PDB file of all heavy atoms in Angstrom:
ATOM      1  N   GLU A   1      90.868  84.992  61.068  1.00  0.00           N
ATOM      2  CA  GLU A   1      91.748  85.382  62.156  1.00  0.00           C
ATOM      3  C   GLU A   1      91.585  84.448  63.348  1.00  0.00           C
ATOM      4  O   GLU A   1      90.472  84.116  63.749  1.00  0.00           O
ATOM      5  CB  GLU A   1      91.441  86.806  62.603  1.00  0.00           C
ATOM      6  CG  GLU A   1      92.287  87.279  63.770  1.00  0.00           C
ATOM      7  CD  GLU A   1      91.859  88.625  64.306  1.00  0.00           C
ATOM      8  OE1 GLU A   1      90.845  89.176  63.813  1.00  0.00           O
ATOM      9  OE2 GLU A   1      92.538  89.141  65.218  1.00  0.00           O
ATOM     10  N   ALA A   2      92.702  84.014  63.919  1.00  0.00           N
ATOM     11  CA  ALA A   2      92.707  83.242  65.165  1.00  0.00           C
ATOM     12  C   ALA A   2      93.566  83.999  66.161  1.00  0.00           C
ATOM     13  O   ALA A   2      94.750  84.240  65.917  1.00  0.00           O
ATOM     14  CB  ALA A   2      93.248  81.836  64.938  1.00  0.00           C
ATOM     15  N   ALA A   3      92.953  84.395  67.267  1.00  0.00           N
ATOM     16  CA  ALA A   3      93.656  85.226  68.238  1.00  0.00           C
ATOM     17  C   ALA A   3      94.592  84.393  69.107  1.00  0.00           C
ATOM     18  O   ALA A   3      94.467  83.164  69.202  1.00  0.00           O
ATOM     19  CB  ALA A   3      92.652  85.974  69.112  1.00  0.00           C
ATOM     20  N   CYS A   4      95.520  85.088  69.756  1.00  0.00           N
ATOM     21  CA  CYS A   4      96.553  84.436  70.571  1.00  0.00           C
ATOM     22  C   CYS A   4      96.197  84.568  72.052  1.00  0.00           C
ATOM     23  O   CYS A   4      96.180  85.678  72.606  1.00  0.00           O
ATOM     24  CB  CYS A   4      97.913  85.077  70.296  1.00  0.00           C
ATOM     25  SG  CYS A   4      99.237  84.485  71.372  1.00  0.00           S
ATOM     26  N   TRP A   5      95.928  83.445  72.697  1.00  0.00           N
ATOM     27  CA  TRP A   5      95.582  83.449  74.115  1.00  0.00           C
ATOM     28  C   TRP A   5      96.777  83.843  74.979  1.00  0.00           C
ATOM     29  O   TRP A   5      96.613  84.443  76.044  1.00  0.00           O
ATOM     30  CB  TRP A   5      95.054  82.072  74.532  1.00  0.00           C
ATOM     31  CG  TRP A   5      93.616  81.857  74.154  1.00  0.00           C
ATOM     32  CD1 TRP A   5      93.126  81.597  72.916  1.00  0.00           C
ATOM     33  CD2 TRP A   5      92.483  81.911  75.029  1.00  0.00           C
ATOM     34  NE1 TRP A   5      91.757  81.467  72.952  1.00  0.00           N
ATOM     35  CE2 TRP A   5      91.333  81.652  74.247  1.00  0.00           C
ATOM     36  CE3 TRP A   5      92.324  82.129  76.389  1.00  0.00           C
ATOM     37  CZ2 TRP A   5      90.054  81.618  74.790  1.00  0.00           C
ATOM     38  CZ3 TRP A   5      91.047  82.097  76.930  1.00  0.00           C
ATOM     39  CH2 TRP A   5      89.922  81.853  76.139  1.00  0.00           C
ATOM     40  N   ALA A   6      97.969  83.511  74.559  1.00  0.00           N
ATOM     41  CA  ALA A   6      99.155  83.880  75.338  1.00  0.00           C
ATOM     42  C   ALA A   6      99.299  85.396  75.398  1.00  0.00           C
ATOM     43  O   ALA A   6      99.711  85.957  76.420  1.00  0.00           O
ATOM     44  CB  ALA A   6     100.408  83.252  74.739  1.00  0.00           C
ATOM     45  N   HIS A   7      98.954  86.070  74.304  1.00  0.00           N
ATOM     46  CA  HIS A   7      99.041  87.529  74.263  1.00  0.00           C
ATOM     47  C   HIS A   7      98.044  88.139  75.257  1.00  0.00           C
ATOM     48  O   HIS A   7      98.390  89.084  75.987  1.00  0.00           O
ATOM     49  CB  HIS A   7      98.739  88.016  72.840  1.00  0.00           C
ATOM     50  CG  HIS A   7      99.116  89.439  72.590  1.00  0.00           C
ATOM     51  ND1 HIS A   7     100.404  89.835  72.343  1.00  0.00           N
ATOM     52  CD2 HIS A   7      98.368  90.580  72.564  1.00  0.00           C
ATOM     53  CE1 HIS A   7     100.442  91.148  72.159  1.00  0.00           C
ATOM     54  NE2 HIS A   7      99.219  91.626  72.293  1.00  0.00           N
ATOM     55  N   TRP A   8      96.831  87.619  75.287  1.00  0.00           N
ATOM     56  CA  TRP A   8      95.823  88.110  76.219  1.00  0.00           C
ATOM     57  C   TRP A   8      96.230  87.786  77.663  1.00  0.00           C
ATOM     58  O   TRP A   8      96.135  88.619  78.556  1.00  0.00           O
ATOM     59  CB  TRP A   8      94.468  87.494  75.881  1.00  0.00           C
ATOM     60  CG  TRP A   8      93.315  88.035  76.682  1.00  0.00           C
ATOM     61  CD1 TRP A   8      93.287  89.183  77.408  1.00  0.00           C
ATOM     62  CD2 TRP A   8      92.030  87.436  76.821  1.00  0.00           C
ATOM     63  NE1 TRP A   8      92.050  89.349  77.992  1.00  0.00           N
ATOM     64  CE2 TRP A   8      91.262  88.293  77.650  1.00  0.00           C
ATOM     65  CE3 TRP A   8      91.447  86.280  76.319  1.00  0.00           C
ATOM     66  CZ2 TRP A   8      89.933  88.005  77.992  1.00  0.00           C
ATOM     67  CZ3 TRP A   8      90.129  86.003  76.648  1.00  0.00           C
ATOM     68  CH2 TRP A   8      89.384  86.855  77.480  1.00  0.00           C
ATOM     69  N   ARG A   9      96.689  86.573  77.863  1.00  0.00           N
ATOM     70  CA  ARG A   9      97.079  86.164  79.208  1.00  0.00           C
ATOM     71  C   ARG A   9      98.222  87.039  79.737  1.00  0.00           C
ATOM     72  O   ARG A   9      98.284  87.367  80.928  1.00  0.00           O
ATOM     73  CB  ARG A   9      97.520  84.699  79.193  1.00  0.00           C
ATOM     74  CG  ARG A   9      97.924  84.164  80.565  1.00  0.00           C
ATOM     75  CD  ARG A   9      98.549  82.793  80.437  1.00  0.00           C
ATOM     76  NE  ARG A   9      98.926  82.280  81.749  1.00  0.00           N
ATOM     77  CZ  ARG A   9     100.031  82.636  82.397  1.00  0.00           C
ATOM     78  NH1 ARG A   9     100.866  83.513  81.849  1.00  0.00           N
ATOM     79  NH2 ARG A   9     100.312  82.130  83.582  1.00  0.00           N
ATOM     80  N   ARG A  10      99.141  87.423  78.842  1.00  0.00           N
ATOM     81  CA  ARG A  10     100.278  88.240  79.254  1.00  0.00           C
ATOM     82  C   ARG A  10      99.813  89.591  79.796  1.00  0.00           C
ATOM     83  O   ARG A  10     100.377  90.114  80.758  1.00  0.00           O
ATOM     84  CB  ARG A  10     101.208  88.432  78.054  1.00  0.00           C
ATOM     85  CG  ARG A  10     102.585  88.947  78.397  1.00  0.00           C
ATOM     86  CD  ARG A  10     103.470  88.945  77.165  1.00  0.00           C
ATOM     87  NE  ARG A  10     103.678  87.600  76.667  1.00  0.00           N
ATOM     88  CZ  ARG A  10     103.419  87.218  75.421  1.00  0.00           C
ATOM     89  NH1 ARG A  10     102.941  88.072  74.547  1.00  0.00           N
ATOM     90  NH2 ARG A  10     103.638  85.978  75.047  1.00  0.00           N
ATOM     91  N   LYS A  11      98.773  90.161  79.180  1.00  0.00           N
ATOM     92  CA  LYS A  11      98.239  91.425  79.671  1.00  0.00           C
ATOM     93  C   LYS A  11      97.701  91.274  81.090  1.00  0.00           C
ATOM     94  O   LYS A  11      97.930  92.127  81.962  1.00  0.00           O
ATOM     95  CB  LYS A  11      97.122  91.913  78.740  1.00  0.00           C
ATOM     96  CG  LYS A  11      97.585  92.342  77.344  1.00  0.00           C
ATOM     97  CD  LYS A  11      96.391  92.714  76.477  1.00  0.00           C
ATOM     98  CE  LYS A  11      96.823  93.216  75.114  1.00  0.00           C
ATOM     99  NZ  LYS A  11      97.471  94.544  75.181  1.00  0.00           N
ATOM    100  N   LEU A  12      96.953  90.182  81.337  1.00  0.00           N
ATOM    101  CA  LEU A  12      96.375  89.959  82.665  1.00  0.00           C
ATOM    102  C   LEU A  12      97.442  89.585  83.684  1.00  0.00           C
ATOM    103  O   LEU A  12      97.349  89.935  84.861  1.00  0.00           O
ATOM    104  CB  LEU A  12      95.305  88.870  82.582  1.00  0.00           C
ATOM    105  CG  LEU A  12      94.098  89.214  81.697  1.00  0.00           C
ATOM    106  CD1 LEU A  12      93.193  88.001  81.531  1.00  0.00           C
ATOM    107  CD2 LEU A  12      93.317  90.384  82.274  1.00  0.00           C
ATOM    108  N   PHE A  13      98.462  88.862  83.220  1.00  0.00           N
ATOM    109  CA  PHE A  13      99.529  88.464  84.137  1.00  0.00           C
ATOM    110  C   PHE A  13     100.284  89.674  84.679  1.00  0.00           C
ATOM    111  O   PHE A  13     100.735  89.674  85.826  1.00  0.00           O
ATOM    112  CB  PHE A  13     100.498  87.512  83.437  1.00  0.00           C
ATOM    113  CG  PHE A  13     101.606  87.036  84.331  1.00  0.00           C
ATOM    114  CD1 PHE A  13     101.401  85.983  85.200  1.00  0.00           C
ATOM    115  CD2 PHE A  13     102.843  87.656  84.312  1.00  0.00           C
ATOM    116  CE1 PHE A  13     102.422  85.544  86.025  1.00  0.00           C
ATOM    117  CE2 PHE A  13     103.862  87.231  85.149  1.00  0.00           C
ATOM    118  CZ  PHE A  13     103.650  86.166  86.011  1.00  0.00           C
ATOM    119  N   ASP A  14     100.431  90.709  83.859  1.00  0.00           N
ATOM    120  CA  ASP A  14     101.101  91.919  84.315  1.00  0.00           C
ATOM    121  C   ASP A  14     100.384  92.527  85.517  1.00  0.00           C
ATOM    122  O   ASP A  14     101.013  93.113  86.401  1.00  0.00           O
ATOM    123  CB  ASP A  14     101.181  92.942  83.178  1.00  0.00           C
ATOM    124  CG  ASP A  14     102.180  92.539  82.108  1.00  0.00           C
ATOM    125  OD1 ASP A  14     103.073  91.722  82.424  1.00  0.00           O
ATOM    126  OD2 ASP A  14     102.066  93.016  80.965  1.00  0.00           O
ATOM    127  N   HIS A  15      99.049  92.408  85.546  1.00  0.00           N
ATOM    128  CA  HIS A  15      98.296  92.873  86.713  1.00  0.00           C
ATOM    129  C   HIS A  15      98.428  91.891  87.869  1.00  0.00           C
ATOM    130  O   HIS A  15      98.562  92.294  89.027  1.00  0.00           O
ATOM    131  CB  HIS A  15      96.816  93.046  86.358  1.00  0.00           C
ATOM    132  CG  HIS A  15      96.543  94.080  85.323  1.00  0.00           C
ATOM    133  ND1 HIS A  15      96.577  95.435  85.583  1.00  0.00           N
ATOM    134  CD2 HIS A  15      96.234  93.965  84.001  1.00  0.00           C
ATOM    135  CE1 HIS A  15      96.297  96.106  84.470  1.00  0.00           C
ATOM    136  NE2 HIS A  15      96.083  95.233  83.495  1.00  0.00           N
ATOM    137  N   ALA A  16      98.415  90.594  87.562  1.00  0.00           N
ATOM    138  CA  ALA A  16      98.420  89.571  88.609  1.00  0.00           C
ATOM    139  C   ALA A  16      99.718  89.566  89.401  1.00  0.00           C
ATOM    140  O   ALA A  16      99.714  89.357  90.613  1.00  0.00           O
ATOM    141  CB  ALA A  16      98.173  88.195  87.989  1.00  0.00           C
ATOM    142  N   LYS A  17     100.854  89.825  88.731  1.00  0.00           N
ATOM    143  CA  LYS A  17     102.130  89.707  89.416  1.00  0.00           C
ATOM    144  C   LYS A  17     102.350  90.826  90.427  1.00  0.00           C
ATOM    145  O   LYS A  17     103.224  90.721  91.287  1.00  0.00           O
ATOM    146  CB  LYS A  17     103.277  89.667  88.412  1.00  0.00           C
ATOM    147  CG  LYS A  17     103.512  90.964  87.664  1.00  0.00           C
ATOM    148  CD  LYS A  17     104.653  90.783  86.675  1.00  0.00           C
ATOM    149  CE  LYS A  17     104.927  92.067  85.900  1.00  0.00           C
ATOM    150  NZ  LYS A  17     106.030  91.873  84.907  1.00  0.00           N
ATOM    151  N   SER A  18     101.542  91.894  90.353  1.00  0.00           N
ATOM    152  CA  SER A  18     101.645  92.955  91.345  1.00  0.00           C
ATOM    153  C   SER A  18     101.092  92.531  92.694  1.00  0.00           C
ATOM    154  O   SER A  18     101.402  93.137  93.719  1.00  0.00           O
ATOM    155  CB  SER A  18     100.902  94.202  90.858  1.00  0.00           C
ATOM    156  OG  SER A  18      99.494  93.965  90.841  1.00  0.00           O
ATOM    157  N   GLY A  19     100.248  91.479  92.698  1.00  0.00           N
ATOM    158  CA  GLY A  19      99.661  90.997  93.939  1.00  0.00           C
ATOM    159  C   GLY A  19      98.497  91.829  94.427  1.00  0.00           C
ATOM    160  O   GLY A  19      97.968  91.582  95.519  1.00  0.00           O
ATOM    161  N   LYS A  20      98.076  92.812  93.661  1.00  0.00           N
ATOM    162  CA  LYS A  20      96.991  93.696  94.085  1.00  0.00           C
ATOM    163  C   LYS A  20      95.764  93.596  93.182  1.00  0.00           C
ATOM    164  O   LYS A  20      94.904  94.465  93.209  1.00  0.00           O
ATOM    165  CB  LYS A  20      97.492  95.142  94.094  1.00  0.00           C
ATOM    166  CG  LYS A  20      98.670  95.384  95.038  1.00  0.00           C
ATOM    167  CD  LYS A  20      99.143  96.822  94.957  1.00  0.00           C
ATOM    168  CE  LYS A  20     100.350  97.051  95.886  1.00  0.00           C
ATOM    169  NZ  LYS A  20     100.835  98.460  95.824  1.00  0.00           N
ATOM    170  N   ALA A  21      95.712  92.538  92.357  1.00  0.00           N
ATOM    171  CA  ALA A  21      94.598  92.377  91.417  1.00  0.00           C
ATOM    172  C   ALA A  21      94.078  90.947  91.478  1.00  0.00           C
ATOM    173  O   ALA A  21      94.430  90.120  90.632  1.00  0.00           O
ATOM    174  CB  ALA A  21      95.039  92.744  90.002  1.00  0.00           C
ATOM    175  N   PRO A  22      93.251  90.621  92.483  1.00  0.00           N
ATOM    176  CA  PRO A  22      92.741  89.246  92.615  1.00  0.00           C
ATOM    177  C   PRO A  22      91.943  88.782  91.404  1.00  0.00           C
ATOM    178  O   PRO A  22      91.923  87.590  91.088  1.00  0.00           O
ATOM    179  CB  PRO A  22      91.872  89.304  93.881  1.00  0.00           C
ATOM    180  CG  PRO A  22      91.576  90.756  94.094  1.00  0.00           C
ATOM    181  CD  PRO A  22      92.740  91.510  93.562  1.00  0.00           C
ATOM    182  N   ILE A  23      91.293  89.709  90.715  1.00  0.00           N
ATOM    183  CA  ILE A  23      90.540  89.321  89.517  1.00  0.00           C
ATOM    184  C   ILE A  23      91.504  88.809  88.446  1.00  0.00           C
ATOM    185  O   ILE A  23      91.248  87.776  87.793  1.00  0.00           O
ATOM    186  CB  ILE A  23      89.726  90.518  88.992  1.00  0.00           C
ATOM    187  CG1 ILE A  23      88.619  90.887  89.985  1.00  0.00           C
ATOM    188  CG2 ILE A  23      89.121  90.189  87.626  1.00  0.00           C
ATOM    189  CD1 ILE A  23      87.819  92.129  89.586  1.00  0.00           C
ATOM    190  N   ALA A  24      92.628  89.508  88.261  1.00  0.00           N
ATOM    191  CA  ALA A  24      93.616  89.076  87.270  1.00  0.00           C
ATOM    192  C   ALA A  24      94.245  87.752  87.668  1.00  0.00           C
ATOM    193  O   ALA A  24      94.493  86.889  86.809  1.00  0.00           O
ATOM    194  CB  ALA A  24      94.692  90.151  87.111  1.00  0.00           C
ATOM    195  N   VAL A  25      94.501  87.565  88.960  1.00  0.00           N
ATOM    196  CA  VAL A  25      95.078  86.297  89.429  1.00  0.00           C
ATOM    197  C   VAL A  25      94.146  85.134  89.106  1.00  0.00           C
ATOM    198  O   VAL A  25      94.575  84.093  88.595  1.00  0.00           O
ATOM    199  CB  VAL A  25      95.349  86.362  90.946  1.00  0.00           C
ATOM    200  CG1 VAL A  25      95.764  84.993  91.471  1.00  0.00           C
ATOM    201  CG2 VAL A  25      96.429  87.388  91.252  1.00  0.00           C
ATOM    202  N   GLU A  26      92.859  85.316  89.375  1.00  0.00           N
ATOM    203  CA  GLU A  26      91.893  84.248  89.098  1.00  0.00           C
ATOM    204  C   GLU A  26      91.746  84.015  87.591  1.00  0.00           C
ATOM    205  O   GLU A  26      91.621  82.879  87.135  1.00  0.00           O
ATOM    206  CB  GLU A  26      90.540  84.602  89.709  1.00  0.00           C
ATOM    207  CG  GLU A  26      89.421  83.622  89.420  1.00  0.00           C
ATOM    208  CD  GLU A  26      89.672  82.228  89.978  1.00  0.00           C
ATOM    209  OE1 GLU A  26      90.572  82.083  90.849  1.00  0.00           O
ATOM    210  OE2 GLU A  26      88.978  81.285  89.559  1.00  0.00           O
ATOM    211  N   ALA A  27      91.798  85.093  86.799  1.00  0.00           N
ATOM    212  CA  ALA A  27      91.701  84.947  85.339  1.00  0.00           C
ATOM    213  C   ALA A  27      92.875  84.142  84.793  1.00  0.00           C
ATOM    214  O   ALA A  27      92.700  83.262  83.943  1.00  0.00           O
ATOM    215  CB  ALA A  27      91.640  86.320  84.683  1.00  0.00           C
ATOM    216  N   VAL A  28      94.074  84.433  85.290  1.00  0.00           N
ATOM    217  CA  VAL A  28      95.257  83.696  84.853  1.00  0.00           C
ATOM    218  C   VAL A  28      95.148  82.231  85.255  1.00  0.00           C
ATOM    219  O   VAL A  28      95.494  81.330  84.483  1.00  0.00           O
ATOM    220  CB  VAL A  28      96.532  84.340  85.428  1.00  0.00           C
ATOM    221  CG1 VAL A  28      97.744  83.449  85.182  1.00  0.00           C
ATOM    222  CG2 VAL A  28      96.768  85.709  84.808  1.00  0.00           C
ATOM    223  N   ARG A  29      94.658  81.975  86.458  1.00  0.00           N
ATOM    224  CA  ARG A  29      94.501  80.588  86.914  1.00  0.00           C
ATOM    225  C   ARG A  29      93.548  79.826  86.003  1.00  0.00           C
ATOM    226  O   ARG A  29      93.806  78.673  85.628  1.00  0.00           O
ATOM    227  CB  ARG A  29      93.987  80.571  88.352  1.00  0.00           C
ATOM    228  CG  ARG A  29      93.950  79.164  88.972  1.00  0.00           C
ATOM    229  CD  ARG A  29      93.117  79.120  90.224  1.00  0.00           C
ATOM    230  NE  ARG A  29      91.704  79.358  89.946  1.00  0.00           N
ATOM    231  CZ  ARG A  29      90.883  78.423  89.448  1.00  0.00           C
ATOM    232  NH1 ARG A  29      91.337  77.206  89.169  1.00  0.00           N
ATOM    233  NH2 ARG A  29      89.619  78.707  89.226  1.00  0.00           N
ATOM    234  N   ARG A  30      92.429  80.446  85.656  1.00  0.00           N
ATOM    235  CA  ARG A  30      91.457  79.792  84.772  1.00  0.00           C
ATOM    236  C   ARG A  30      92.056  79.550  83.383  1.00  0.00           C
ATOM    237  O   ARG A  30      91.812  78.507  82.768  1.00  0.00           O
ATOM    238  CB  ARG A  30      90.197  80.653  84.666  1.00  0.00           C
ATOM    239  CG  ARG A  30      89.344  80.666  85.945  1.00  0.00           C
ATOM    240  CD  ARG A  30      88.234  81.708  85.855  1.00  0.00           C
ATOM    241  NE  ARG A  30      87.382  81.703  87.031  1.00  0.00           N
ATOM    242  CZ  ARG A  30      86.143  81.183  87.065  1.00  0.00           C
ATOM    243  NH1 ARG A  30      85.630  80.637  85.980  1.00  0.00           N
ATOM    244  NH2 ARG A  30      85.430  81.224  88.162  1.00  0.00           N
ATOM    245  N   MET A  31      92.825  80.518  82.897  1.00  0.00           N
ATOM    246  CA  MET A  31      93.464  80.321  81.592  1.00  0.00           C
ATOM    247  C   MET A  31      94.483  79.191  81.638  1.00  0.00           C
ATOM    248  O   MET A  31      94.623  78.417  80.675  1.00  0.00           O
ATOM    249  CB  MET A  31      94.127  81.625  81.134  1.00  0.00           C
ATOM    250  CG  MET A  31      93.161  82.696  80.692  1.00  0.00           C
ATOM    251  SD  MET A  31      94.030  84.152  80.036  1.00  0.00           S
ATOM    252  CE  MET A  31      92.634  85.170  79.526  1.00  0.00           C
ATOM    253  N   ASP A  32      95.196  79.069  82.741  1.00  0.00           N
ATOM    254  CA  ASP A  32      96.179  77.994  82.867  1.00  0.00           C
ATOM    255  C   ASP A  32      95.518  76.632  82.803  1.00  0.00           C
ATOM    256  O   ASP A  32      96.111  75.660  82.300  1.00  0.00           O
ATOM    257  CB  ASP A  32      96.955  78.151  84.172  1.00  0.00           C
ATOM    258  CG  ASP A  32      97.987  79.266  84.100  1.00  0.00           C
ATOM    259  OD1 ASP A  32      98.239  79.757  82.985  1.00  0.00           O
ATOM    260  OD2 ASP A  32      98.534  79.649  85.153  1.00  0.00           O
ATOM    261  N   GLU A  33      94.295  76.517  83.297  1.00  0.00           N
ATOM    262  CA  GLU A  33      93.556  75.255  83.179  1.00  0.00           C
ATOM    263  C   GLU A  33      93.282  74.929  81.712  1.00  0.00           C
ATOM    264  O   GLU A  33      93.369  73.772  81.279  1.00  0.00           O
ATOM    265  CB  GLU A  33      92.248  75.341  83.953  1.00  0.00           C
ATOM    266  CG  GLU A  33      92.404  75.379  85.471  1.00  0.00           C
ATOM    267  CD  GLU A  33      91.064  75.422  86.175  1.00  0.00           C
ATOM    268  OE1 GLU A  33      90.035  75.592  85.481  1.00  0.00           O
ATOM    269  OE2 GLU A  33      91.043  75.281  87.417  1.00  0.00           O
ATOM    270  N   ILE A  34      92.960  75.962  80.939  1.00  0.00           N
ATOM    271  CA  ILE A  34      92.723  75.752  79.508  1.00  0.00           C
ATOM    272  C   ILE A  34      94.007  75.311  78.816  1.00  0.00           C
ATOM    273  O   ILE A  34      94.005  74.370  78.003  1.00  0.00           O
ATOM    274  CB  ILE A  34      92.174  77.057  78.880  1.00  0.00           C
ATOM    275  CG1 ILE A  34      90.814  77.397  79.487  1.00  0.00           C
ATOM    276  CG2 ILE A  34      92.080  76.920  77.361  1.00  0.00           C
ATOM    277  CD1 ILE A  34      90.284  78.763  79.067  1.00  0.00           C
ATOM    278  N   PHE A  35      95.105  75.967  79.155  1.00  0.00           N
ATOM    279  CA  PHE A  35      96.390  75.587  78.555  1.00  0.00           C
ATOM    280  C   PHE A  35      96.773  74.161  78.937  1.00  0.00           C
ATOM    281  O   PHE A  35      97.347  73.422  78.124  1.00  0.00           O
ATOM    282  CB  PHE A  35      97.476  76.561  78.990  1.00  0.00           C
ATOM    283  CG  PHE A  35      97.518  77.826  78.191  1.00  0.00           C
ATOM    284  CD1 PHE A  35      96.864  78.966  78.637  1.00  0.00           C
ATOM    285  CD2 PHE A  35      98.195  77.884  76.991  1.00  0.00           C
ATOM    286  CE1 PHE A  35      96.907  80.139  77.900  1.00  0.00           C
ATOM    287  CE2 PHE A  35      98.239  79.049  76.251  1.00  0.00           C
ATOM    288  CZ  PHE A  35      97.587  80.185  76.702  1.00  0.00           C
ATOM    289  N   ALA A  36      96.494  73.770  80.172  1.00  0.00           N
ATOM    290  CA  ALA A  36      96.825  72.408  80.610  1.00  0.00           C
ATOM    291  C   ALA A  36      96.067  71.381  79.780  1.00  0.00           C
ATOM    292  O   ALA A  36      96.626  70.342  79.386  1.00  0.00           O
ATOM    293  CB  ALA A  36      96.504  72.253  82.091  1.00  0.00           C
TER     294      ALA A  36
END
């Protein structure tokens, strides 16, 4: 099995886009570095 990072990131992004979850925002930023 190889898991999907986009699927995990999507869960965290749902929290980040509310603007009230700085932990999720930072997690998404770190994941974007991996994707880059």
